Amino acid sequence: MPGELHIYVDADACPVKDEVYKVAMRHEVPVHVVANSFMRVPAHRLLTRITVPEGPDVADDWIAERADAQSIVITSDILLAQRCIEKGARVLSPKGKAFTENSIGQQVATRAIMEDLRGMGEQTSGPAAFKPADRSNFLSALEVELQKLKRGR
């Protein structure tokens, strides 16, 4: 709902769902966990599981349609991040990195280059493995973003 704080989680490969729940419950912020397959979500009035139909970008579309300036979106998907930023949402990766208006263009371009290289048969390395420090960075970043939204900044 516009005007109300919300967290949207692109959940299929998100390693920090439990951390999102913990912070959201402390701040009394609703969380929408979006995936195209069943995903266990704790029973709590602030937590909602959204199961979308199978298909490319269906979960992304659901999130992007609802994201606004009162939203925090958790995703590793650069193109979804770009769509949500364009709608005014704050976007964090599960490693705690903020996607911003200033950084997203370069990240989209890098993604396209890497996709082209893979298409030509080049071996490219994937993202770095998720580490315990990433979990801590994410918790800090989510706390900071929620505080900013609550203060209207």
Protein backbone atom coordinates (compact mmCIF):
# COMPACT_ATOMS: atom_id res chain seq x y z
CA MET A 1 0.00 0.00 0.00
CA PRO A 2 1.40 3.41 -0.88
CA GLY A 3 2.20 5.61 2.10
CA GLU A 4 2.95 2.64 4.31
CA LEU A 5 6.42 1.13 4.70
CA HIS A 6 6.84 -2.29 3.09
CA ILE A 7 9.67 -4.69 2.43
CA TYR A 8 9.57 -6.84 -0.70
CA VAL A 9 11.85 -9.88 -0.89
CA ASP A 10 12.77 -11.48 -4.21
CA ALA A 11 12.86 -14.76 -2.36
CA ASP A 12 13.86 -17.62 -4.65
CA ALA A 13 17.59 -17.40 -3.92
CA CYS A 14 17.63 -14.97 -1.02
CA PRO A 15 19.94 -16.10 1.81
CA VAL A 16 18.84 -13.40 4.29
CA LYS A 17 15.09 -13.97 4.66
CA ASP A 18 15.40 -14.73 8.39
CA GLU A 19 17.32 -11.49 8.90
CA VAL A 20 14.63 -9.55 7.04
CA TYR A 21 11.93 -11.06 9.27
CA LYS A 22 13.85 -10.21 12.43
CA VAL A 23 14.42 -6.55 11.52
CA ALA A 24 10.93 -6.08 10.07
CA MET A 25 9.24 -7.45 13.20
CA ARG A 26 11.33 -5.16 15.40
CA HIS A 27 10.20 -2.18 13.30
CA GLU A 28 6.63 -3.44 12.71
CA VAL A 29 7.05 -3.29 8.91
CA PRO A 30 5.12 -5.70 6.64
CA VAL A 31 7.19 -8.07 4.53
CA HIS A 32 6.10 -9.66 1.25
CA VAL A 33 8.12 -12.76 0.37
CA VAL A 34 7.68 -13.29 -3.37
CA ALA A 35 8.57 -16.52 -5.20
CA ASN A 36 7.23 -18.70 -7.97
CA SER A 37 7.26 -21.83 -5.83
CA PHE A 38 6.11 -22.67 -2.32
CA MET A 39 8.37 -21.21 0.33
CA ARG A 40 7.99 -21.64 4.05
CA VAL A 41 7.39 -18.31 5.80
CA PRO A 42 6.91 -18.03 9.57
CA ALA A 43 3.33 -17.47 10.68
CA HIS A 44 3.21 -13.82 11.69
CA ARG A 45 0.80 -11.01 10.90
CA LEU A 46 3.58 -8.93 9.28
CA LEU A 47 4.85 -11.70 6.99
CA THR A 48 3.06 -12.60 3.76
CA ARG A 49 4.09 -15.27 1.30
CA ILE A 50 3.22 -14.44 -2.30
CA THR A 51 3.43 -17.36 -4.71
CA VAL A 52 3.29 -16.14 -8.30
CA PRO A 53 2.81 -18.31 -11.40
CA GLU A 54 5.83 -19.89 -13.09
CA GLY A 55 7.39 -17.84 -15.84
CA PRO A 56 10.19 -15.45 -16.56
CA ASP A 57 10.13 -12.30 -14.45
CA VAL A 58 6.68 -12.96 -12.93
CA ALA A 59 7.99 -12.46 -9.38
CA ASP A 60 9.99 -9.43 -10.53
CA ASP A 61 6.90 -7.94 -12.18
CA TRP A 62 4.84 -8.45 -9.01
CA ILE A 63 7.45 -6.65 -6.91
CA ALA A 64 8.12 -3.85 -9.43
CA GLU A 65 4.40 -3.08 -9.76
CA ARG A 66 4.13 -2.47 -6.02
CA ALA A 67 7.48 -0.87 -5.18
CA ASP A 68 7.39 2.82 -4.34
CA ALA A 69 9.22 5.42 -2.27
CA GLN A 70 8.03 3.74 0.94
CA SER A 71 9.51 0.37 -0.03
CA ILE A 72 12.69 -1.53 0.51
CA VAL A 73 13.31 -4.27 -2.04
CA ILE A 74 15.75 -7.10 -1.32
CA THR A 75 17.13 -8.65 -4.51
CA SER A 76 20.28 -9.75 -6.32
CA ASP A 77 18.60 -9.12 -9.67
CA ILE A 78 20.11 -5.98 -11.18
CA LEU A 79 17.28 -5.45 -13.67
CA LEU A 80 14.65 -5.72 -10.93
CA ALA A 81 16.73 -3.33 -8.83
CA GLN A 82 16.74 -0.84 -11.71
CA ARG A 83 12.96 -1.06 -12.14
CA CYS A 84 12.38 -0.51 -8.42
CA ILE A 85 14.82 2.39 -8.17
CA GLU A 86 12.97 4.07 -11.04
CA LYS A 87 9.84 3.90 -8.86
CA GLY A 88 11.64 5.47 -5.91
CA ALA A 89 12.21 2.33 -3.85
CA ARG A 90 15.34 1.64 -1.85
CA VAL A 91 17.02 -1.56 -3.01
CA LEU A 92 19.51 -3.75 -1.15
CA SER A 93 21.37 -6.84 -2.24
CA PRO A 94 21.46 -9.76 0.22
CA LYS A 95 25.08 -8.80 0.88
CA GLY A 96 23.98 -5.37 2.13
CA LYS A 97 25.03 -3.41 -0.94
CA ALA A 98 22.64 -0.60 -1.82
CA PHE A 99 21.64 -0.26 -5.45
CA THR A 100 21.26 3.47 -6.11
CA GLU A 101 20.40 5.83 -8.95
CA ASN A 102 24.11 6.67 -9.18
CA SER A 103 25.32 3.06 -9.38
CA ILE A 104 22.61 1.14 -11.20
CA GLY A 105 23.49 2.26 -14.74
CA GLN A 106 27.03 0.94 -14.45
CA GLN A 107 25.80 -2.30 -12.87
CA VAL A 108 23.28 -2.87 -15.68
CA ALA A 109 26.01 -2.20 -18.28
CA THR A 110 28.42 -4.61 -16.58
CA ARG A 111 25.71 -7.25 -16.44
CA ALA A 112 25.07 -6.85 -20.17
CA ILE A 113 28.78 -7.16 -20.99
CA MET A 114 29.12 -10.30 -18.89
CA GLU A 115 26.01 -11.79 -20.53
CA ASP A 116 27.49 -11.06 -23.98
CA LEU A 117 30.78 -12.69 -23.00
CA ARG A 118 28.98 -15.80 -21.74
CA GLY A 119 26.97 -15.85 -24.97
CA MET A 120 30.24 -15.97 -26.92
CA GLY A 121 31.41 -18.95 -24.87
CA GLU A 122 33.70 -17.09 -22.49
CA GLN A 123 34.05 -18.52 -19.02
CA THR A 124 33.15 -15.87 -16.47
CA SER A 125 33.20 -16.16 -12.73
CA GLY A 126 29.92 -15.90 -10.90
CA PRO A 127 29.28 -13.75 -7.87
CA ALA A 128 31.51 -14.18 -4.85
CA ALA A 129 30.33 -16.72 -2.29
CA PHE A 130 28.06 -15.49 0.50
CA LYS A 131 30.09 -15.03 3.71
CA PRO A 132 29.13 -14.44 7.37
CA ALA A 133 30.33 -10.83 7.01
CA ASP A 134 27.78 -10.37 4.21
CA ARG A 135 24.97 -11.31 6.60
CA SER A 136 26.21 -8.74 9.10
CA ASN A 137 26.56 -6.08 6.39
CA PHE A 138 23.03 -6.81 5.24
CA LEU A 139 21.58 -6.47 8.74
CA SER A 140 23.30 -3.11 9.20
CA ALA A 141 22.23 -1.83 5.77
CA LEU A 142 18.60 -2.87 6.28
CA GLU A 143 18.50 -1.19 9.68
CA VAL A 144 19.94 2.03 8.21
CA GLU A 145 17.46 2.08 5.32
CA LEU A 146 14.48 1.46 7.60
CA GLN A 147 15.60 4.24 9.94
CA LYS A 148 15.92 6.64 6.98
CA LEU A 149 12.45 5.77 5.69
CA LYS A 150 10.93 6.19 9.14
CA ARG A 151 12.52 9.63 9.40
CA GLY A 152 11.31 10.56 5.93
CA ARG A 153 14.73 10.76 4.30
